[in-house]
């Protein structure tokens, strides 16, 4: 199983998209810290679509890359990570 990539390894376009979605969805510094702590564990992620529900937001990805943020009520596709 792949592991989620660290921010500096994301393609520039993906980083820009994530920053835009973070602003659009008003993700707080506390939320981002929660995300940072999770990413620092170098979690395994499935090779296909997946999402991680943090309560106040969802992080969606595919393989080793995060792809977007969703609000709590928005539907995510793929495998739910614990």
PDB file of N, CA and C in Angstrom:
ATOM      1  N   UNK A   1       0.847  -1.184   0.000  1.00  0.00           N
ATOM      2  CA  UNK A   1       0.000   0.000   0.000  1.00  0.00           C
ATOM      3  C   UNK A   1       0.890   1.244   0.000  1.00  0.00           C
ATOM      4  N   UNK A   2       0.505   2.257  -0.792  1.00  0.00           N
ATOM      5  CA  UNK A   2       1.284   3.494  -0.782  1.00  0.00           C
ATOM      6  C   UNK A   2       1.099   4.263   0.525  1.00  0.00           C
ATOM      7  N   UNK A   3       1.977   5.186   0.772  1.00  0.00           N
ATOM      8  CA  UNK A   3       1.867   6.083   1.918  1.00  0.00           C
ATOM      9  C   UNK A   3       1.614   7.485   1.375  1.00  0.00           C
ATOM     10  N   UNK A   4       0.897   8.275   2.140  1.00  0.00           N
ATOM     11  CA  UNK A   4       0.593   9.628   1.690  1.00  0.00           C
ATOM     12  C   UNK A   4       1.893  10.426   1.555  1.00  0.00           C
ATOM     13  N   UNK A   5       1.984  11.177   0.486  1.00  0.00           N
ATOM     14  CA  UNK A   5       3.173  12.007   0.240  1.00  0.00           C
ATOM     15  C   UNK A   5       3.167  13.210   1.167  1.00  0.00           C
ATOM     16  N   UNK A   6       4.327  13.733   1.407  1.00  0.00           N
ATOM     17  CA  UNK A   6       4.466  14.960   2.178  1.00  0.00           C
ATOM     18  C   UNK A   6       4.221  16.149   1.239  1.00  0.00           C
ATOM     19  N   UNK A   7       3.824  17.261   1.810  1.00  0.00           N
ATOM     20  CA  UNK A   7       3.428  18.448   1.067  1.00  0.00           C
ATOM     21  C   UNK A   7       4.430  18.842  -0.012  1.00  0.00           C
ATOM     22  N   UNK A   8       5.708  18.834   0.327  1.00  0.00           N
ATOM     23  CA  UNK A   8       6.727  19.299  -0.615  1.00  0.00           C
ATOM     24  C   UNK A   8       6.852  18.409  -1.851  1.00  0.00           C
ATOM     25  N   UNK A   9       6.307  17.208  -1.812  1.00  0.00           N
ATOM     26  CA  UNK A   9       6.375  16.297  -2.962  1.00  0.00           C
ATOM     27  C   UNK A   9       5.130  16.373  -3.849  1.00  0.00           C
ATOM     28  N   UNK A  10       4.121  17.148  -3.426  1.00  0.00           N
ATOM     29  CA  UNK A  10       2.912  17.292  -4.233  1.00  0.00           C
ATOM     30  C   UNK A  10       3.228  18.128  -5.469  1.00  0.00           C
ATOM     31  N   UNK A  11       2.625  17.809  -6.624  1.00  0.00           N
ATOM     32  CA  UNK A  11       2.768  18.671  -7.799  1.00  0.00           C
ATOM     33  C   UNK A  11       2.225  20.072  -7.493  1.00  0.00           C
ATOM     34  N   UNK A  12       2.818  21.076  -8.094  1.00  0.00           N
ATOM     35  CA  UNK A  12       2.441  22.471  -7.829  1.00  0.00           C
ATOM     36  C   UNK A  12       0.946  22.716  -8.031  1.00  0.00           C
ATOM     37  N   UNK A  13       0.360  22.164  -9.085  1.00  0.00           N
ATOM     38  CA  UNK A  13      -1.067  22.358  -9.341  1.00  0.00           C
ATOM     39  C   UNK A  13      -1.939  21.786  -8.240  1.00  0.00           C
ATOM     40  N   UNK A  14      -1.565  20.653  -7.704  1.00  0.00           N
ATOM     41  CA  UNK A  14      -2.317  20.029  -6.613  1.00  0.00           C
ATOM     42  C   UNK A  14      -2.203  20.900  -5.362  1.00  0.00           C
ATOM     43  N   UNK A  15      -1.012  21.406  -5.078  1.00  0.00           N
ATOM     44  CA  UNK A  15      -0.831  22.279  -3.911  1.00  0.00           C
ATOM     45  C   UNK A  15      -1.704  23.526  -4.028  1.00  0.00           C
ATOM     46  N   UNK A  16      -1.726  24.146  -5.211  1.00  0.00           N
ATOM     47  CA  UNK A  16      -2.559  25.341  -5.410  1.00  0.00           C
ATOM     48  C   UNK A  16      -4.037  25.021  -5.192  1.00  0.00           C
ATOM     49  N   UNK A  17      -4.482  23.893  -5.749  1.00  0.00           N
ATOM     50  CA  UNK A  17      -5.882  23.484  -5.588  1.00  0.00           C
ATOM     51  C   UNK A  17      -6.222  23.278  -4.117  1.00  0.00           C
ATOM     52  N   UNK A  18      -5.357  22.587  -3.379  1.00  0.00           N
ATOM     53  CA  UNK A  18      -5.617  22.339  -1.962  1.00  0.00           C
ATOM     54  C   UNK A  18      -5.671  23.644  -1.169  1.00  0.00           C
ATOM     55  N   UNK A  19      -4.801  24.581  -1.477  1.00  0.00           N
ATOM     56  CA  UNK A  19      -4.817  25.876  -0.785  1.00  0.00           C
ATOM     57  C   UNK A  19      -6.119  26.615  -1.080  1.00  0.00           C
ATOM     58  N   UNK A  20      -6.561  26.590  -2.338  1.00  0.00           N
ATOM     59  CA  UNK A  20      -7.831  27.237  -2.697  1.00  0.00           C
ATOM     60  C   UNK A  20      -9.003  26.596  -1.961  1.00  0.00           C
ATOM     61  N   UNK A  21      -9.051  25.259  -1.938  1.00  0.00           N
ATOM     62  CA  UNK A  21     -10.149  24.571  -1.252  1.00  0.00           C
ATOM     63  C   UNK A  21     -10.098  24.826   0.253  1.00  0.00           C
ATOM     64  N   UNK A  22      -8.897  24.892   0.812  1.00  0.00           N
ATOM     65  CA  UNK A  22      -8.745  25.168   2.239  1.00  0.00           C
ATOM     66  C   UNK A  22      -9.368  26.537   2.556  1.00  0.00           C
ATOM     67  N   UNK A  23      -9.115  27.518   1.713  1.00  0.00           N
ATOM     68  CA  UNK A  23      -9.684  28.859   1.917  1.00  0.00           C
ATOM     69  C   UNK A  23     -11.190  28.853   1.692  1.00  0.00           C
ATOM     70  N   UNK A  24     -11.642  28.213   0.600  1.00  0.00           N
ATOM     71  CA  UNK A  24     -13.075  28.151   0.292  1.00  0.00           C
ATOM     72  C   UNK A  24     -13.876  27.514   1.418  1.00  0.00           C
ATOM     73  N   UNK A  25     -13.313  26.496   2.028  1.00  0.00           N
ATOM     74  CA  UNK A  25     -14.028  25.743   3.054  1.00  0.00           C
ATOM     75  C   UNK A  25     -13.718  26.244   4.466  1.00  0.00           C
ATOM     76  N   UNK A  26     -12.958  27.324   4.560  1.00  0.00           N
ATOM     77  CA  UNK A  26     -12.630  27.959   5.844  1.00  0.00           C
ATOM     78  C   UNK A  26     -12.061  26.954   6.845  1.00  0.00           C
ATOM     79  N   UNK A  27     -11.107  26.178   6.406  1.00  0.00           N
ATOM     80  CA  UNK A  27     -10.460  25.202   7.284  1.00  0.00           C
ATOM     81  C   UNK A  27      -9.526  25.961   8.221  1.00  0.00           C
ATOM     82  N   UNK A  28      -9.699  25.735   9.506  1.00  0.00           N
ATOM     83  CA  UNK A  28      -8.977  26.505  10.522  1.00  0.00           C
ATOM     84  C   UNK A  28      -7.550  26.007  10.727  1.00  0.00           C
ATOM     85  N   UNK A  29      -6.779  26.805  11.439  1.00  0.00           N
ATOM     86  CA  UNK A  29      -5.416  26.420  11.804  1.00  0.00           C
ATOM     87  C   UNK A  29      -5.453  25.162  12.672  1.00  0.00           C
ATOM     88  N   UNK A  30      -6.407  25.077  13.577  1.00  0.00           N
ATOM     89  CA  UNK A  30      -6.530  23.882  14.422  1.00  0.00           C
ATOM     90  C   UNK A  30      -6.805  22.646  13.570  1.00  0.00           C
ATOM     91  N   UNK A  31      -7.660  22.798  12.551  1.00  0.00           N
ATOM     92  CA  UNK A  31      -7.944  21.688  11.631  1.00  0.00           C
ATOM     93  C   UNK A  31      -6.686  21.277  10.882  1.00  0.00           C
ATOM     94  N   UNK A  32      -5.948  22.277  10.396  1.00  0.00           N
ATOM     95  CA  UNK A  32      -4.722  21.985   9.653  1.00  0.00           C
ATOM     96  C   UNK A  32      -3.673  21.321  10.534  1.00  0.00           C
ATOM     97  N   UNK A  33      -3.638  21.689  11.799  1.00  0.00           N
ATOM     98  CA  UNK A  33      -2.706  21.047  12.720  1.00  0.00           C
ATOM     99  C   UNK A  33      -3.070  19.573  12.907  1.00  0.00           C
ATOM    100  N   UNK A  34      -4.366  19.300  13.006  1.00  0.00           N
ATOM    101  CA  UNK A  34      -4.845  17.916  13.098  1.00  0.00           C
ATOM    102  C   UNK A  34      -4.407  17.120  11.860  1.00  0.00           C
ATOM    103  N   UNK A  35      -4.547  17.739  10.694  1.00  0.00           N
ATOM    104  CA  UNK A  35      -4.128  17.120   9.436  1.00  0.00           C
ATOM    105  C   UNK A  35      -2.618  16.885   9.432  1.00  0.00           C
ATOM    106  N   UNK A  36      -1.858  17.889   9.846  1.00  0.00           N
ATOM    107  CA  UNK A  36      -0.394  17.775   9.890  1.00  0.00           C
ATOM    108  C   UNK A  36       0.045  16.612  10.777  1.00  0.00           C
ATOM    109  N   UNK A  37      -0.561  16.497  11.945  1.00  0.00           N
ATOM    110  CA  UNK A  37      -0.210  15.406  12.859  1.00  0.00           C
ATOM    111  C   UNK A  37      -0.492  14.048  12.228  1.00  0.00           C
ATOM    112  N   UNK A  38      -1.597  13.932  11.515  1.00  0.00           N
ATOM    113  CA  UNK A  38      -1.938  12.670  10.855  1.00  0.00           C
ATOM    114  C   UNK A  38      -0.930  12.353   9.752  1.00  0.00           C
ATOM    115  N   UNK A  39      -0.606  13.361   8.933  1.00  0.00           N
ATOM    116  CA  UNK A  39       0.337  13.142   7.828  1.00  0.00           C
ATOM    117  C   UNK A  39       1.721  12.772   8.358  1.00  0.00           C
ATOM    118  N   UNK A  40       2.108  13.342   9.489  1.00  0.00           N
ATOM    119  CA  UNK A  40       3.419  13.025  10.069  1.00  0.00           C
ATOM    120  C   UNK A  40       3.555  11.560  10.467  1.00  0.00           C
ATOM    121  N   UNK A  41       2.436  10.851  10.623  1.00  0.00           N
ATOM    122  CA  UNK A  41       2.495   9.418  10.941  1.00  0.00           C
ATOM    123  C   UNK A  41       2.794   8.581   9.704  1.00  0.00           C
ATOM    124  N   UNK A  42       2.865   9.238   8.537  1.00  0.00           N
ATOM    125  CA  UNK A  42       3.119   8.563   7.262  1.00  0.00           C
ATOM    126  C   UNK A  42       2.126   7.417   7.039  1.00  0.00           C
ATOM    127  N   UNK A  43       0.822   7.742   7.071  1.00  0.00           N
ATOM    128  CA  UNK A  43      -0.196   6.688   6.970  1.00  0.00           C
ATOM    129  C   UNK A  43      -0.219   6.007   5.605  1.00  0.00           C
ATOM    130  N   UNK A  44      -0.555   4.732   5.637  1.00  0.00           N
ATOM    131  CA  UNK A  44      -0.792   4.000   4.396  1.00  0.00           C
ATOM    132  C   UNK A  44      -2.145   4.414   3.853  1.00  0.00           C
ATOM    133  N   UNK A  45      -2.229   4.524   2.537  1.00  0.00           N
ATOM    134  CA  UNK A  45      -3.476   4.869   1.865  1.00  0.00           C
ATOM    135  C   UNK A  45      -3.680   3.878   0.721  1.00  0.00           C
ATOM    136  N   UNK A  46      -4.924   3.615   0.341  1.00  0.00           N
ATOM    137  CA  UNK A  46      -5.158   2.688  -0.769  1.00  0.00           C
ATOM    138  C   UNK A  46      -4.664   3.271  -2.096  1.00  0.00           C
ATOM    139  N   UNK A  47      -4.408   2.428  -3.082  1.00  0.00           N
ATOM    140  CA  UNK A  47      -3.948   2.924  -4.380  1.00  0.00           C
ATOM    141  C   UNK A  47      -5.026   3.701  -5.136  1.00  0.00           C
ATOM    142  N   UNK A  48      -6.282   3.458  -4.836  1.00  0.00           N
ATOM    143  CA  UNK A  48      -7.379   4.165  -5.506  1.00  0.00           C
ATOM    144  C   UNK A  48      -7.878   5.335  -4.677  1.00  0.00           C
ATOM    145  N   UNK A  49      -9.158   5.686  -4.867  1.00  0.00           N
ATOM    146  CA  UNK A  49      -9.760   6.812  -4.151  1.00  0.00           C
ATOM    147  C   UNK A  49      -9.940   6.483  -2.674  1.00  0.00           C
ATOM    148  N   UNK A  50      -9.759   7.495  -1.842  1.00  0.00           N
ATOM    149  CA  UNK A  50      -9.908   7.358  -0.397  1.00  0.00           C
ATOM    150  C   UNK A  50     -10.279   8.711   0.203  1.00  0.00           C
ATOM    151  N   UNK A  51     -10.745   8.670   1.455  1.00  0.00           N
ATOM    152  CA  UNK A  51     -10.972   9.912   2.191  1.00  0.00           C
ATOM    153  C   UNK A  51     -10.782   9.674   3.675  1.00  0.00           C
ATOM    154  N   UNK A  52     -10.418  10.733   4.361  1.00  0.00           N
ATOM    155  CA  UNK A  52     -10.221  10.707   5.811  1.00  0.00           C
ATOM    156  C   UNK A  52     -11.128  11.781   6.386  1.00  0.00           C
ATOM    157  N   UNK A  53     -12.025  11.385   7.281  1.00  0.00           N
ATOM    158  CA  UNK A  53     -12.972  12.309   7.897  1.00  0.00           C
ATOM    159  C   UNK A  53     -12.381  12.817   9.207  1.00  0.00           C
ATOM    160  N   UNK A  54     -12.132  14.115   9.270  1.00  0.00           N
ATOM    161  CA  UNK A  54     -11.574  14.736  10.470  1.00  0.00           C
ATOM    162  C   UNK A  54     -12.664  15.375  11.323  1.00  0.00           C
ATOM    163  N   UNK A  55     -13.921  15.201  10.943  1.00  0.00           N
ATOM    164  CA  UNK A  55     -15.031  15.777  11.694  1.00  0.00           C
ATOM    165  C   UNK A  55     -15.461  17.122  11.126  1.00  0.00           C
ATOM    166  N   UNK A  56     -14.576  18.098  11.156  1.00  0.00           N
ATOM    167  CA  UNK A  56     -14.916  19.432  10.644  1.00  0.00           C
ATOM    168  C   UNK A  56     -14.613  19.580   9.152  1.00  0.00           C
ATOM    169  N   UNK A  57     -13.938  18.597   8.574  1.00  0.00           N
ATOM    170  CA  UNK A  57     -13.652  18.562   7.141  1.00  0.00           C
ATOM    171  C   UNK A  57     -13.249  17.150   6.755  1.00  0.00           C
ATOM    172  N   UNK A  58     -13.238  16.879   5.449  1.00  0.00           N
ATOM    173  CA  UNK A  58     -12.752  15.601   4.923  1.00  0.00           C
ATOM    174  C   UNK A  58     -11.608  15.890   3.968  1.00  0.00           C
ATOM    175  N   UNK A  59     -10.602  15.063   4.008  1.00  0.00           N
ATOM    176  CA  UNK A  59      -9.512  15.117   3.053  1.00  0.00           C
ATOM    177  C   UNK A  59      -9.724  13.957   2.093  1.00  0.00           C
ATOM    178  N   UNK A  60      -9.776  14.246   0.797  1.00  0.00           N
ATOM    179  CA  UNK A  60      -9.973  13.213  -0.217  1.00  0.00           C
ATOM    180  C   UNK A  60      -8.705  13.079  -1.044  1.00  0.00           C
ATOM    181  N   UNK A  61      -8.410  11.846  -1.432  1.00  0.00           N
ATOM    182  CA  UNK A  61      -7.219  11.635  -2.223  1.00  0.00           C
ATOM    183  C   UNK A  61      -7.334  10.441  -3.132  1.00  0.00           C
ATOM    184  N   UNK A  62      -6.266  10.205  -3.846  1.00  0.00           N
ATOM    185  CA  UNK A  62      -6.147   9.063  -4.725  1.00  0.00           C
ATOM    186  C   UNK A  62      -4.707   8.589  -4.682  1.00  0.00           C
ATOM    187  N   UNK A  63      -4.500   7.356  -4.281  1.00  0.00           N
ATOM    188  CA  UNK A  63      -3.139   6.866  -4.128  1.00  0.00           C
ATOM    189  C   UNK A  63      -2.410   7.680  -3.086  1.00  0.00           C
ATOM    190  N   UNK A  64      -1.180   8.063  -3.375  1.00  0.00           N
ATOM    191  CA  UNK A  64      -0.353   8.746  -2.376  1.00  0.00           C
ATOM    192  C   UNK A  64      -0.606  10.251  -2.271  1.00  0.00           C
ATOM    193  N   UNK A  65      -1.505  10.794  -3.092  1.00  0.00           N
ATOM    194  CA  UNK A  65      -1.739  12.241  -3.075  1.00  0.00           C
ATOM    195  C   UNK A  65      -3.098  12.613  -2.517  1.00  0.00           C
ATOM    196  N   UNK A  66      -3.108  13.646  -1.681  1.00  0.00           N
ATOM    197  CA  UNK A  66      -4.358  14.279  -1.284  1.00  0.00           C
ATOM    198  C   UNK A  66      -4.805  15.105  -2.485  1.00  0.00           C
ATOM    199  N   UNK A  67      -6.131  15.198  -2.694  1.00  0.00           N
ATOM    200  CA  UNK A  67      -6.602  15.899  -3.889  1.00  0.00           C
ATOM    201  C   UNK A  67      -7.527  17.065  -3.587  1.00  0.00           C
ATOM    202  N   UNK A  68      -8.330  16.988  -2.508  1.00  0.00           N
ATOM    203  CA  UNK A  68      -9.236  18.092  -2.197  1.00  0.00           C
ATOM    204  C   UNK A  68      -9.733  17.982  -0.766  1.00  0.00           C
ATOM    205  N   UNK A  69     -10.337  19.075  -0.307  1.00  0.00           N
ATOM    206  CA  UNK A  69     -11.004  19.124   0.988  1.00  0.00           C
ATOM    207  C   UNK A  69     -12.499  19.214   0.748  1.00  0.00           C
ATOM    208  N   UNK A  70     -13.273  18.543   1.577  1.00  0.00           N
ATOM    209  CA  UNK A  70     -14.729  18.638   1.541  1.00  0.00           C
ATOM    210  C   UNK A  70     -15.233  19.082   2.907  1.00  0.00           C
ATOM    211  N   UNK A  71     -16.424  19.682   2.901  1.00  0.00           N
ATOM    212  CA  UNK A  71     -17.094  20.036   4.147  1.00  0.00           C
ATOM    213  C   UNK A  71     -17.718  18.784   4.751  1.00  0.00           C
ATOM    214  N   UNK A  72     -18.064  18.808   6.042  1.00  0.00           N
ATOM    215  CA  UNK A  72     -18.599  17.606   6.690  1.00  0.00           C
ATOM    216  C   UNK A  72     -19.804  16.974   5.979  1.00  0.00           C
ATOM    217  N   UNK A  73     -20.736  17.752   5.456  1.00  0.00           N
ATOM    218  CA  UNK A  73     -21.929  17.192   4.826  1.00  0.00           C
ATOM    219  C   UNK A  73     -21.741  16.746   3.392  1.00  0.00           C
ATOM    220  N   UNK A  74     -20.594  17.026   2.799  1.00  0.00           N
ATOM    221  CA  UNK A  74     -20.367  16.660   1.403  1.00  0.00           C
ATOM    222  C   UNK A  74     -19.986  15.185   1.296  1.00  0.00           C
ATOM    223  N   UNK A  75     -20.517  14.544   0.269  1.00  0.00           N
ATOM    224  CA  UNK A  75     -20.251  13.120   0.060  1.00  0.00           C
ATOM    225  C   UNK A  75     -18.861  12.919  -0.529  1.00  0.00           C
ATOM    226  N   UNK A  76     -18.175  11.941   0.015  1.00  0.00           N
ATOM    227  CA  UNK A  76     -16.842  11.579  -0.477  1.00  0.00           C
ATOM    228  C   UNK A  76     -16.925  10.208  -1.124  1.00  0.00           C
ATOM    229  N   UNK A  77     -16.010   9.955  -2.051  1.00  0.00           N
ATOM    230  CA  UNK A  77     -15.993   8.632  -2.680  1.00  0.00           C
ATOM    231  C   UNK A  77     -14.697   7.926  -2.319  1.00  0.00           C
ATOM    232  N   UNK A  78     -14.725   6.627  -2.428  1.00  0.00           N
ATOM    233  CA  UNK A  78     -13.540   5.836  -2.144  1.00  0.00           C
ATOM    234  C   UNK A  78     -13.601   5.197  -0.766  1.00  0.00           C
ATOM    235  N   UNK A  79     -12.468   4.640  -0.366  1.00  0.00           N
ATOM    236  CA  UNK A  79     -12.371   3.959   0.922  1.00  0.00           C
ATOM    237  C   UNK A  79     -12.242   4.963   2.051  1.00  0.00           C
ATOM    238  N   UNK A  80     -13.018   4.769   3.119  1.00  0.00           N
ATOM    239  CA  UNK A  80     -12.914   5.627   4.295  1.00  0.00           C
ATOM    240  C   UNK A  80     -11.741   5.134   5.152  1.00  0.00           C
ATOM    241  N   UNK A  81     -10.834   6.036   5.466  1.00  0.00           N
ATOM    242  CA  UNK A  81      -9.681   5.692   6.310  1.00  0.00           C
ATOM    243  C   UNK A  81     -10.041   5.913   7.766  1.00  0.00           C
ATOM    244  N   UNK A  82      -9.495   5.072   8.625  1.00  0.00           N
ATOM    245  CA  UNK A  82      -9.787   5.257  10.057  1.00  0.00           C
ATOM    246  C   UNK A  82      -8.807   6.190  10.703  1.00  0.00           C
TER     247      UNK A  82
END
